[in-house]
Amino acid sequence: MSDLTTSSTPVEAKETSWVPFIVLCSLLVIATLGWGISMSALGYWTRKLPVPWPAGVEINPVTFQCTSLPTKIGPFVRIESDGEIRGLGEKDGQPDGEITYRADVLETLKVATTLDDQRYDSRTSNWYVSRIYEDTREPKTSRYRYWSLSVTYYTGSEFTVPHVPDTCAQSGGATLQGKEILHAGRVRGVPKAWEEDAPLAALQFQSLDGLDLVSFYVFSVNGVPEPNRDVVRVSLMDLRKRYVYFAKIQFEPRNTMGDLKTTQKKALEFYETMLPEVLKQLPTQEDIIQLRKLD
């Protein structure tokens, strides 16, 4: 008697086994799209978009250095000599006051990445500028003659807010001796968000060899000043913000600290002089508002 029971062939069984997987994937895609649509409808954004640099800002497409920051700002002038400043290397055809980071440093900073290459034409890449300025009013022997300045710009995807002196100096063996927030007060020529108060984190360290050092920094977060890294992180992850950027502005005298009050007074003077030109390289709070209106 013949067996009338039918059975799936191996090929049919294999095809059938894929059905639950395909259905599950489809449901996940639908759920993900639905979640994104729902969040957008509520005005919440889980995916952050980059903020373009302002008009007039110029970034080197190879090194990703900002070249539009003036080399002379008030009495502060970028060091133009080549190979003559102690500790800045041999002659290389470039001013000693223009610091170009090595590839390994850029990798750590997450600047000049493949993503930055892709975003350069849309003016939304990360970038940096690192310089040494000299105060032409100060004697050559003054501990306040030379100042290091660095600005690093991140937009669209960087939320870790790395490399603040609080942690970097200590990881290098320095001991944090003190930290406070200074206030420059009203600064002329800056965007509205910075007019009434421009805060500044001021840190004092002692190096492994016993030298007393200082460092100063502040962040611009979507055009608003903020001296606290943790507050910056929270602000960047705010679901109500679709476009995000932050920039770290850091500087210090290239010498050991003298009297603390005098050092802080000189630092605030440097800050107030440089800040208007530095902020011209960064989007303002109003620029972010305009981006939202274009959506």
C-alpha atoms as a PDB file:
ATOM      1  CA  MET A   1       0.000   0.000   0.000  1.00  0.00           C
ATOM      2  CA  SER A   2       1.447   3.295  -0.971  1.00  0.00           C
ATOM      3  CA  ASP A   3       2.206   6.005   1.617  1.00  0.00           C
ATOM      4  CA  LEU A   4      -0.001   8.999   0.830  1.00  0.00           C
ATOM      5  CA  THR A   5       1.523  11.223   3.556  1.00  0.00           C
ATOM      6  CA  THR A   6       3.277  14.268   2.084  1.00  0.00           C
ATOM      7  CA  SER A   7       6.454  15.801   3.497  1.00  0.00           C
ATOM      8  CA  SER A   8       8.569  18.882   2.762  1.00  0.00           C
ATOM      9  CA  THR A   9      11.681  18.448   0.743  1.00  0.00           C
ATOM     10  CA  PRO A  10      14.973  19.616   2.336  1.00  0.00           C
ATOM     11  CA  VAL A  11      14.896  22.762   0.177  1.00  0.00           C
ATOM     12  CA  GLU A  12      11.326  23.577   1.219  1.00  0.00           C
ATOM     13  CA  ALA A  13      12.190  23.024   4.868  1.00  0.00           C
ATOM     14  CA  LYS A  14      15.163  25.352   4.601  1.00  0.00           C
ATOM     15  CA  GLU A  15      13.070  28.089   2.992  1.00  0.00           C
ATOM     16  CA  THR A  16      10.353  27.638   5.625  1.00  0.00           C
ATOM     17  CA  SER A  17      12.913  28.053   8.446  1.00  0.00           C
ATOM     18  CA  TRP A  18      13.753  31.566   7.200  1.00  0.00           C
ATOM     19  CA  VAL A  19      10.170  32.811   7.486  1.00  0.00           C
ATOM     20  CA  PRO A  20      10.140  33.525  11.264  1.00  0.00           C
ATOM     21  CA  PHE A  21      13.496  35.309  10.976  1.00  0.00           C
ATOM     22  CA  ILE A  22      12.279  37.511   8.122  1.00  0.00           C
ATOM     23  CA  VAL A  23       9.061  38.294   9.984  1.00  0.00           C
ATOM     24  CA  LEU A  24      11.024  39.199  13.126  1.00  0.00           C
ATOM     25  CA  CYS A  25      13.384  41.473  11.195  1.00  0.00           C
ATOM     26  CA  SER A  26      10.444  43.177   9.521  1.00  0.00           C
ATOM     27  CA  LEU A  27       8.794  43.801  12.872  1.00  0.00           C
ATOM     28  CA  LEU A  28      12.027  45.244  14.272  1.00  0.00           C
ATOM     29  CA  VAL A  29      12.396  47.573  11.292  1.00  0.00           C
ATOM     30  CA  ILE A  30       8.796  48.703  11.632  1.00  0.00           C
ATOM     31  CA  ALA A  31       9.227  49.221  15.371  1.00  0.00           C
ATOM     32  CA  THR A  32      12.446  51.198  14.853  1.00  0.00           C
ATOM     33  CA  LEU A  33      10.927  53.417  12.180  1.00  0.00           C
ATOM     34  CA  GLY A  34       7.835  53.854  14.269  1.00  0.00           C
ATOM     35  CA  TRP A  35       9.922  54.844  17.286  1.00  0.00           C
ATOM     36  CA  GLY A  36      11.860  57.398  15.231  1.00  0.00           C
ATOM     37  CA  ILE A  37       8.698  58.851  13.731  1.00  0.00           C
ATOM     38  CA  SER A  38       7.040  59.008  17.130  1.00  0.00           C
ATOM     39  CA  MET A  39      10.046  60.722  18.733  1.00  0.00           C
ATOM     40  CA  SER A  40      10.259  63.239  15.886  1.00  0.00           C
ATOM     41  CA  ALA A  41       6.560  63.988  16.183  1.00  0.00           C
ATOM     42  CA  LEU A  42       7.096  64.771  19.852  1.00  0.00           C
ATOM     43  CA  GLY A  43      10.041  67.027  19.047  1.00  0.00           C
ATOM     44  CA  TYR A  44      12.654  64.611  20.377  1.00  0.00           C
ATOM     45  CA  TRP A  45      15.782  63.716  18.405  1.00  0.00           C
ATOM     46  CA  THR A  46      17.879  60.642  19.098  1.00  0.00           C
ATOM     47  CA  ARG A  47      20.056  61.239  16.028  1.00  0.00           C
ATOM     48  CA  LYS A  48      22.081  64.434  16.261  1.00  0.00           C
ATOM     49  CA  LEU A  49      22.979  66.445  13.164  1.00  0.00           C
ATOM     50  CA  PRO A  50      26.173  68.481  12.625  1.00  0.00           C
ATOM     51  CA  VAL A  51      26.314  72.268  12.711  1.00  0.00           C
ATOM     52  CA  PRO A  52      28.147  74.014   9.821  1.00  0.00           C
ATOM     53  CA  TRP A  53      30.975  76.424  10.582  1.00  0.00           C
ATOM     54  CA  PRO A  54      30.018  80.084  10.164  1.00  0.00           C
ATOM     55  CA  ALA A  55      30.613  81.964   6.928  1.00  0.00           C
ATOM     56  CA  GLY A  56      34.181  83.211   6.781  1.00  0.00           C
ATOM     57  CA  VAL A  57      35.645  80.319   8.730  1.00  0.00           C
ATOM     58  CA  GLU A  58      38.440  78.599   6.818  1.00  0.00           C
ATOM     59  CA  ILE A  59      39.639  75.071   7.572  1.00  0.00           C
ATOM     60  CA  ASN A  60      42.636  73.383   5.953  1.00  0.00           C
ATOM     61  CA  PRO A  61      41.215  70.358   4.043  1.00  0.00           C
ATOM     62  CA  VAL A  62      44.306  68.234   4.767  1.00  0.00           C
ATOM     63  CA  THR A  63      45.251  69.047   8.364  1.00  0.00           C
ATOM     64  CA  PHE A  64      41.806  70.281   9.525  1.00  0.00           C
ATOM     65  CA  GLN A  65      43.381  73.306  11.169  1.00  0.00           C
ATOM     66  CA  CYS A  66      41.402  76.517  11.411  1.00  0.00           C
ATOM     67  CA  THR A  67      43.319  79.129   9.438  1.00  0.00           C
ATOM     68  CA  SER A  68      40.887  82.033   9.765  1.00  0.00           C
ATOM     69  CA  LEU A  69      41.673  82.851  13.393  1.00  0.00           C
ATOM     70  CA  PRO A  70      43.763  86.051  13.183  1.00  0.00           C
ATOM     71  CA  THR A  71      47.467  85.783  13.893  1.00  0.00           C
ATOM     72  CA  LYS A  72      47.396  89.195  15.586  1.00  0.00           C
ATOM     73  CA  ILE A  73      44.711  90.004  18.138  1.00  0.00           C
ATOM     74  CA  GLY A  74      45.272  93.217  20.061  1.00  0.00           C
ATOM     75  CA  PRO A  75      48.744  93.085  21.637  1.00  0.00           C
ATOM     76  CA  PHE A  76      48.900  89.292  21.203  1.00  0.00           C
ATOM     77  CA  VAL A  77      50.774  88.117  18.107  1.00  0.00           C
ATOM     78  CA  ARG A  78      51.443  84.591  16.893  1.00  0.00           C
ATOM     79  CA  ILE A  79      55.138  83.734  17.110  1.00  0.00           C
ATOM     80  CA  GLU A  80      56.411  84.027  13.548  1.00  0.00           C
ATOM     81  CA  SER A  81      60.010  82.877  14.011  1.00  0.00           C
ATOM     82  CA  ASP A  82      61.001  79.405  12.824  1.00  0.00           C
ATOM     83  CA  GLY A  83      63.078  77.090  14.991  1.00  0.00           C
ATOM     84  CA  GLU A  84      64.134  79.786  17.437  1.00  0.00           C
ATOM     85  CA  ILE A  85      61.712  79.182  20.309  1.00  0.00           C
ATOM     86  CA  ARG A  86      63.054  76.692  22.810  1.00  0.00           C
ATOM     87  CA  GLY A  87      61.091  73.467  23.054  1.00  0.00           C
ATOM     88  CA  LEU A  88      59.208  73.883  19.761  1.00  0.00           C
ATOM     89  CA  GLY A  89      61.410  71.744  17.544  1.00  0.00           C
ATOM     90  CA  GLU A  90      63.781  72.470  14.689  1.00  0.00           C
ATOM     91  CA  LYS A  91      63.225  74.685  11.665  1.00  0.00           C
ATOM     92  CA  ASP A  92      60.448  73.310   9.461  1.00  0.00           C
ATOM     93  CA  GLY A  93      59.460  76.292   7.353  1.00  0.00           C
ATOM     94  CA  GLN A  94      56.478  77.066   9.593  1.00  0.00           C
ATOM     95  CA  PRO A  95      56.064  79.686  12.324  1.00  0.00           C
ATOM     96  CA  ASP A  96      56.903  78.325  15.766  1.00  0.00           C
ATOM     97  CA  GLY A  97      53.594  79.719  16.944  1.00  0.00           C
ATOM     98  CA  GLU A  98      51.507  77.453  14.668  1.00  0.00           C
ATOM     99  CA  ILE A  99      51.291  73.972  16.215  1.00  0.00           C
ATOM    100  CA  THR A 100      50.367  71.101  13.897  1.00  0.00           C
ATOM    101  CA  TYR A 101      49.338  67.938  15.732  1.00  0.00           C
ATOM    102  CA  ARG A 102      50.842  64.562  14.868  1.00  0.00           C
ATOM    103  CA  ALA A 103      48.613  61.848  13.395  1.00  0.00           C
ATOM    104  CA  ASP A 104      48.455  59.926  16.684  1.00  0.00           C
ATOM    105  CA  VAL A 105      47.322  63.048  18.551  1.00  0.00           C
ATOM    106  CA  LEU A 106      44.629  63.741  15.951  1.00  0.00           C
ATOM    107  CA  GLU A 107      43.427  60.148  16.297  1.00  0.00           C
ATOM    108  CA  THR A 108      43.103  60.583  20.037  1.00  0.00           C
ATOM    109  CA  LEU A 109      41.249  63.865  19.568  1.00  0.00           C
ATOM    110  CA  LYS A 110      38.984  62.353  16.875  1.00  0.00           C
ATOM    111  CA  VAL A 111      39.821  65.105  14.414  1.00  0.00           C
ATOM    112  CA  ALA A 112      40.788  64.629  10.733  1.00  0.00           C
ATOM    113  CA  THR A 113      38.938  61.312  10.582  1.00  0.00           C
ATOM    114  CA  THR A 114      37.410  59.655   7.525  1.00  0.00           C
ATOM    115  CA  LEU A 115      34.077  61.132   8.606  1.00  0.00           C
ATOM    116  CA  ASP A 116      35.634  64.593   8.617  1.00  0.00           C
ATOM    117  CA  ASP A 117      36.845  64.017   5.053  1.00  0.00           C
ATOM    118  CA  GLN A 118      33.270  63.208   4.062  1.00  0.00           C
ATOM    119  CA  ARG A 119      31.817  66.246   5.836  1.00  0.00           C
ATOM    120  CA  TYR A 120      34.389  68.824   4.766  1.00  0.00           C
ATOM    121  CA  ASP A 121      32.531  70.021   1.655  1.00  0.00           C
ATOM    122  CA  SER A 122      29.376  70.611   3.710  1.00  0.00           C
ATOM    123  CA  ARG A 123      31.459  72.621   6.226  1.00  0.00           C
ATOM    124  CA  THR A 124      30.516  70.282   9.064  1.00  0.00           C
ATOM    125  CA  SER A 125      33.794  68.531   9.895  1.00  0.00           C
ATOM    126  CA  ASN A 126      35.568  68.674  13.240  1.00  0.00           C
ATOM    127  CA  TRP A 127      38.626  70.958  13.368  1.00  0.00           C
ATOM    128  CA  TYR A 128      41.266  72.437  15.627  1.00  0.00           C
ATOM    129  CA  VAL A 129      43.691  75.298  15.972  1.00  0.00           C
ATOM    130  CA  SER A 130      46.690  75.349  18.318  1.00  0.00           C
ATOM    131  CA  ARG A 131      48.962  78.388  18.589  1.00  0.00           C
ATOM    132  CA  ILE A 132      51.423  80.247  20.731  1.00  0.00           C
ATOM    133  CA  TYR A 133      50.887  83.987  21.025  1.00  0.00           C
ATOM    134  CA  GLU A 134      53.221  86.497  22.623  1.00  0.00           C
ATOM    135  CA  ASP A 135      52.125  89.563  24.512  1.00  0.00           C
ATOM    136  CA  THR A 136      54.196  92.261  22.854  1.00  0.00           C
ATOM    137  CA  ARG A 137      53.791  94.555  25.874  1.00  0.00           C
ATOM    138  CA  GLU A 138      55.591  92.169  28.209  1.00  0.00           C
ATOM    139  CA  PRO A 139      59.393  91.944  28.517  1.00  0.00           C
ATOM    140  CA  LYS A 140      60.982  88.910  26.858  1.00  0.00           C
ATOM    141  CA  THR A 141      61.823  87.567  30.306  1.00  0.00           C
ATOM    142  CA  SER A 142      58.272  87.929  31.669  1.00  0.00           C
ATOM    143  CA  ARG A 143      56.496  84.714  32.649  1.00  0.00           C
ATOM    144  CA  TYR A 144      53.401  86.215  30.968  1.00  0.00           C
ATOM    145  CA  ARG A 145      55.028  86.925  27.602  1.00  0.00           C
ATOM    146  CA  TYR A 146      53.997  83.649  25.884  1.00  0.00           C
ATOM    147  CA  TRP A 147      50.555  82.015  25.882  1.00  0.00           C
ATOM    148  CA  SER A 148      49.383  78.715  24.396  1.00  0.00           C
ATOM    149  CA  LEU A 149      45.879  78.704  22.913  1.00  0.00           C
ATOM    150  CA  SER A 150      43.955  75.739  21.525  1.00  0.00           C
ATOM    151  CA  VAL A 151      40.415  75.478  20.190  1.00  0.00           C
ATOM    152  CA  THR A 152      38.853  72.163  19.147  1.00  0.00           C
ATOM    153  CA  TYR A 153      35.470  71.951  17.397  1.00  0.00           C
ATOM    154  CA  TYR A 154      33.230  68.869  17.458  1.00  0.00           C
ATOM    155  CA  THR A 155      29.810  68.509  15.888  1.00  0.00           C
ATOM    156  CA  GLY A 156      27.071  65.992  15.227  1.00  0.00           C
ATOM    157  CA  SER A 157      28.319  62.839  16.885  1.00  0.00           C
ATOM    158  CA  GLU A 158      30.952  63.420  19.569  1.00  0.00           C
ATOM    159  CA  PHE A 159      29.473  63.242  23.071  1.00  0.00           C
ATOM    160  CA  THR A 160      32.332  62.098  25.285  1.00  0.00           C
ATOM    161  CA  VAL A 161      33.838  65.591  25.729  1.00  0.00           C
ATOM    162  CA  PRO A 162      37.408  64.284  26.093  1.00  0.00           C
ATOM    163  CA  HIS A 163      40.660  65.813  27.204  1.00  0.00           C
ATOM    164  CA  VAL A 164      40.099  68.441  29.847  1.00  0.00           C
ATOM    165  CA  PRO A 165      43.109  69.511  31.938  1.00  0.00           C
ATOM    166  CA  ASP A 166      41.464  68.135  35.083  1.00  0.00           C
ATOM    167  CA  THR A 167      42.079  64.570  33.890  1.00  0.00           C
ATOM    168  CA  CYS A 168      44.864  64.926  31.301  1.00  0.00           C
ATOM    169  CA  ALA A 169      47.326  66.708  33.568  1.00  0.00           C
ATOM    170  CA  GLN A 170      46.715  64.275  36.403  1.00  0.00           C
ATOM    171  CA  SER A 171      47.100  61.274  34.103  1.00  0.00           C
ATOM    172  CA  GLY A 172      50.507  62.732  33.223  1.00  0.00           C
ATOM    173  CA  GLY A 173      51.512  62.700  36.870  1.00  0.00           C
ATOM    174  CA  ALA A 174      50.590  66.253  37.915  1.00  0.00           C
ATOM    175  CA  THR A 175      48.705  66.924  41.137  1.00  0.00           C
ATOM    176  CA  LEU A 176      45.620  69.147  41.063  1.00  0.00           C
ATOM    177  CA  GLN A 177      46.132  71.864  43.687  1.00  0.00           C
ATOM    178  CA  GLY A 178      42.992  73.901  43.140  1.00  0.00           C
ATOM    179  CA  LYS A 179      40.127  74.726  40.804  1.00  0.00           C
ATOM    180  CA  GLU A 180      37.706  77.636  40.640  1.00  0.00           C
ATOM    181  CA  ILE A 181      35.438  79.392  38.185  1.00  0.00           C
ATOM    182  CA  LEU A 182      36.503  82.893  37.183  1.00  0.00           C
ATOM    183  CA  HIS A 183      34.173  85.411  35.564  1.00  0.00           C
ATOM    184  CA  ALA A 184      35.320  87.860  32.941  1.00  0.00           C
ATOM    185  CA  GLY A 185      32.160  89.901  33.298  1.00  0.00           C
ATOM    186  CA  ARG A 186      30.900  91.863  30.335  1.00  0.00           C
ATOM    187  CA  VAL A 187      33.074  91.337  27.249  1.00  0.00           C
ATOM    188  CA  ARG A 188      32.686  93.562  24.178  1.00  0.00           C
ATOM    189  CA  GLY A 189      32.256  92.170  20.687  1.00  0.00           C
ATOM    190  CA  VAL A 190      30.967  88.723  21.645  1.00  0.00           C
ATOM    191  CA  PRO A 191      27.607  87.048  20.807  1.00  0.00           C
ATOM    192  CA  LYS A 192      24.652  87.786  23.062  1.00  0.00           C
ATOM    193  CA  ALA A 193      24.936  84.560  25.080  1.00  0.00           C
ATOM    194  CA  TRP A 194      28.442  85.602  26.209  1.00  0.00           C
ATOM    195  CA  GLU A 195      27.825  89.299  26.819  1.00  0.00           C
ATOM    196  CA  GLU A 196      26.710  89.327  30.430  1.00  0.00           C
ATOM    197  CA  ASP A 197      29.125  86.730  31.744  1.00  0.00           C
ATOM    198  CA  ALA A 198      31.976  84.714  30.231  1.00  0.00           C
ATOM    199  CA  PRO A 199      32.933  82.039  32.805  1.00  0.00           C
ATOM    200  CA  LEU A 200      36.322  80.347  32.847  1.00  0.00           C
ATOM    201  CA  ALA A 201      37.547  77.224  34.661  1.00  0.00           C
ATOM    202  CA  ALA A 202      40.897  77.987  36.333  1.00  0.00           C
ATOM    203  CA  LEU A 203      43.080  75.089  37.485  1.00  0.00           C
ATOM    204  CA  GLN A 204      46.335  74.997  39.427  1.00  0.00           C
ATOM    205  CA  PHE A 205      48.697  72.003  39.265  1.00  0.00           C
ATOM    206  CA  GLN A 206      52.019  70.867  40.584  1.00  0.00           C
ATOM    207  CA  SER A 207      54.087  68.838  38.140  1.00  0.00           C
ATOM    208  CA  LEU A 208      56.112  65.750  39.013  1.00  0.00           C
ATOM    209  CA  ASP A 209      59.235  67.897  39.281  1.00  0.00           C
ATOM    210  CA  GLY A 210      57.531  70.354  41.629  1.00  0.00           C
ATOM    211  CA  LEU A 211      56.662  73.150  39.195  1.00  0.00           C
ATOM    212  CA  ASP A 212      53.507  75.173  39.807  1.00  0.00           C
ATOM    213  CA  LEU A 213      51.393  75.365  36.635  1.00  0.00           C
ATOM    214  CA  VAL A 214      48.008  76.744  35.618  1.00  0.00           C
ATOM    215  CA  SER A 215      45.480  76.066  32.872  1.00  0.00           C
ATOM    216  CA  PHE A 216      42.219  77.728  31.856  1.00  0.00           C
ATOM    217  CA  TYR A 217      39.323  76.535  29.713  1.00  0.00           C
ATOM    218  CA  VAL A 218      35.669  76.985  28.790  1.00  0.00           C
ATOM    219  CA  PHE A 219      33.288  75.237  26.392  1.00  0.00           C
ATOM    220  CA  SER A 220      30.920  76.702  23.849  1.00  0.00           C
ATOM    221  CA  VAL A 221      27.897  74.394  23.649  1.00  0.00           C
ATOM    222  CA  ASN A 222      25.593  75.342  20.797  1.00  0.00           C
ATOM    223  CA  GLY A 223      26.832  78.895  21.251  1.00  0.00           C
ATOM    224  CA  VAL A 224      26.409  79.051  25.040  1.00  0.00           C
ATOM    225  CA  PRO A 225      29.358  79.235  27.495  1.00  0.00           C
ATOM    226  CA  GLU A 226      29.831  76.359  29.954  1.00  0.00           C
ATOM    227  CA  PRO A 227      32.892  75.632  32.152  1.00  0.00           C
ATOM    228  CA  ASN A 228      31.718  72.204  33.408  1.00  0.00           C
ATOM    229  CA  ARG A 229      32.365  69.121  31.249  1.00  0.00           C
ATOM    230  CA  ASP A 230      29.578  67.078  32.861  1.00  0.00           C
ATOM    231  CA  VAL A 231      27.022  69.789  32.115  1.00  0.00           C
ATOM    232  CA  VAL A 232      28.276  69.829  28.504  1.00  0.00           C
ATOM    233  CA  ARG A 233      27.689  66.085  28.184  1.00  0.00           C
ATOM    234  CA  VAL A 234      24.143  66.321  29.500  1.00  0.00           C
ATOM    235  CA  SER A 235      23.381  69.261  27.223  1.00  0.00           C
ATOM    236  CA  LEU A 236      24.607  67.416  24.121  1.00  0.00           C
ATOM    237  CA  MET A 237      22.382  64.427  24.861  1.00  0.00           C
ATOM    238  CA  ASP A 238      19.264  66.544  25.335  1.00  0.00           C
ATOM    239  CA  LEU A 239      16.613  64.844  23.175  1.00  0.00           C
ATOM    240  CA  ARG A 240      15.084  68.219  22.334  1.00  0.00           C
ATOM    241  CA  LYS A 241      18.239  69.224  20.429  1.00  0.00           C
ATOM    242  CA  ARG A 242      18.613  68.032  16.852  1.00  0.00           C
ATOM    243  CA  TYR A 243      21.693  70.073  15.894  1.00  0.00           C
ATOM    244  CA  VAL A 244      24.604  69.994  18.316  1.00  0.00           C
ATOM    245  CA  TYR A 245      28.200  71.125  18.544  1.00  0.00           C
ATOM    246  CA  PHE A 246      30.679  71.917  21.258  1.00  0.00           C
ATOM    247  CA  ALA A 247      34.086  73.546  21.208  1.00  0.00           C
ATOM    248  CA  LYS A 248      36.727  73.618  23.907  1.00  0.00           C
ATOM    249  CA  ILE A 249      38.724  76.839  24.316  1.00  0.00           C
ATOM    250  CA  GLN A 250      41.840  76.271  26.416  1.00  0.00           C
ATOM    251  CA  PHE A 251      44.894  78.390  27.171  1.00  0.00           C
ATOM    252  CA  GLU A 252      47.772  78.753  29.624  1.00  0.00           C
ATOM    253  CA  PRO A 253      50.961  80.779  30.050  1.00  0.00           C
ATOM    254  CA  ARG A 254      54.019  78.879  28.793  1.00  0.00           C
ATOM    255  CA  ASN A 255      55.774  79.264  32.110  1.00  0.00           C
ATOM    256  CA  THR A 256      55.446  78.385  35.751  1.00  0.00           C
ATOM    257  CA  MET A 257      52.856  80.209  37.792  1.00  0.00           C
ATOM    258  CA  GLY A 258      53.849  83.303  39.719  1.00  0.00           C
ATOM    259  CA  ASP A 259      51.535  84.972  42.183  1.00  0.00           C
ATOM    260  CA  LEU A 260      48.083  83.370  41.762  1.00  0.00           C
ATOM    261  CA  LYS A 261      46.105  86.611  41.697  1.00  0.00           C
ATOM    262  CA  THR A 262      48.453  88.212  39.178  1.00  0.00           C
ATOM    263  CA  THR A 263      48.365  85.079  37.020  1.00  0.00           C
ATOM    264  CA  GLN A 264      44.570  84.992  37.023  1.00  0.00           C
ATOM    265  CA  LYS A 265      44.393  88.717  36.244  1.00  0.00           C
ATOM    266  CA  LYS A 266      46.717  88.245  33.237  1.00  0.00           C
ATOM    267  CA  ALA A 267      44.718  85.201  32.134  1.00  0.00           C
ATOM    268  CA  LEU A 268      41.434  87.110  32.208  1.00  0.00           C
ATOM    269  CA  GLU A 269      43.000  89.887  30.153  1.00  0.00           C
ATOM    270  CA  PHE A 270      44.169  87.342  27.553  1.00  0.00           C
ATOM    271  CA  TYR A 271      40.715  85.710  27.601  1.00  0.00           C
ATOM    272  CA  GLU A 272      38.795  88.945  27.130  1.00  0.00           C
ATOM    273  CA  THR A 273      41.071  89.997  24.257  1.00  0.00           C
ATOM    274  CA  MET A 274      41.037  86.695  22.376  1.00  0.00           C
ATOM    275  CA  LEU A 275      37.428  85.634  23.017  1.00  0.00           C
ATOM    276  CA  PRO A 276      35.651  87.837  20.419  1.00  0.00           C
ATOM    277  CA  GLU A 277      37.882  86.533  17.600  1.00  0.00           C
ATOM    278  CA  VAL A 278      37.709  82.917  18.783  1.00  0.00           C
ATOM    279  CA  LEU A 279      33.902  83.030  18.942  1.00  0.00           C
ATOM    280  CA  LYS A 280      33.750  84.308  15.360  1.00  0.00           C
ATOM    281  CA  GLN A 281      35.016  80.857  14.360  1.00  0.00           C
ATOM    282  CA  LEU A 282      32.086  79.153  16.136  1.00  0.00           C
ATOM    283  CA  PRO A 283      28.326  79.031  15.416  1.00  0.00           C
ATOM    284  CA  THR A 284      26.193  81.223  17.638  1.00  0.00           C
ATOM    285  CA  GLN A 285      23.033  80.361  19.516  1.00  0.00           C
ATOM    286  CA  GLU A 286      21.126  82.264  16.825  1.00  0.00           C
ATOM    287  CA  ASP A 287      22.732  80.108  14.101  1.00  0.00           C
ATOM    288  CA  ILE A 288      21.287  76.990  15.757  1.00  0.00           C
ATOM    289  CA  ILE A 289      17.848  78.587  15.887  1.00  0.00           C
ATOM    290  CA  GLN A 290      18.033  79.323  12.149  1.00  0.00           C
ATOM    291  CA  LEU A 291      18.928  75.702  11.427  1.00  0.00           C
ATOM    292  CA  ARG A 292      15.816  74.560  13.272  1.00  0.00           C
ATOM    293  CA  LYS A 293      13.672  76.928  11.229  1.00  0.00           C
ATOM    294  CA  LEU A 294      14.937  75.350   8.016  1.00  0.00           C
ATOM    295  CA  ASP A 295      13.618  71.897   9.018  1.00  0.00           C
END
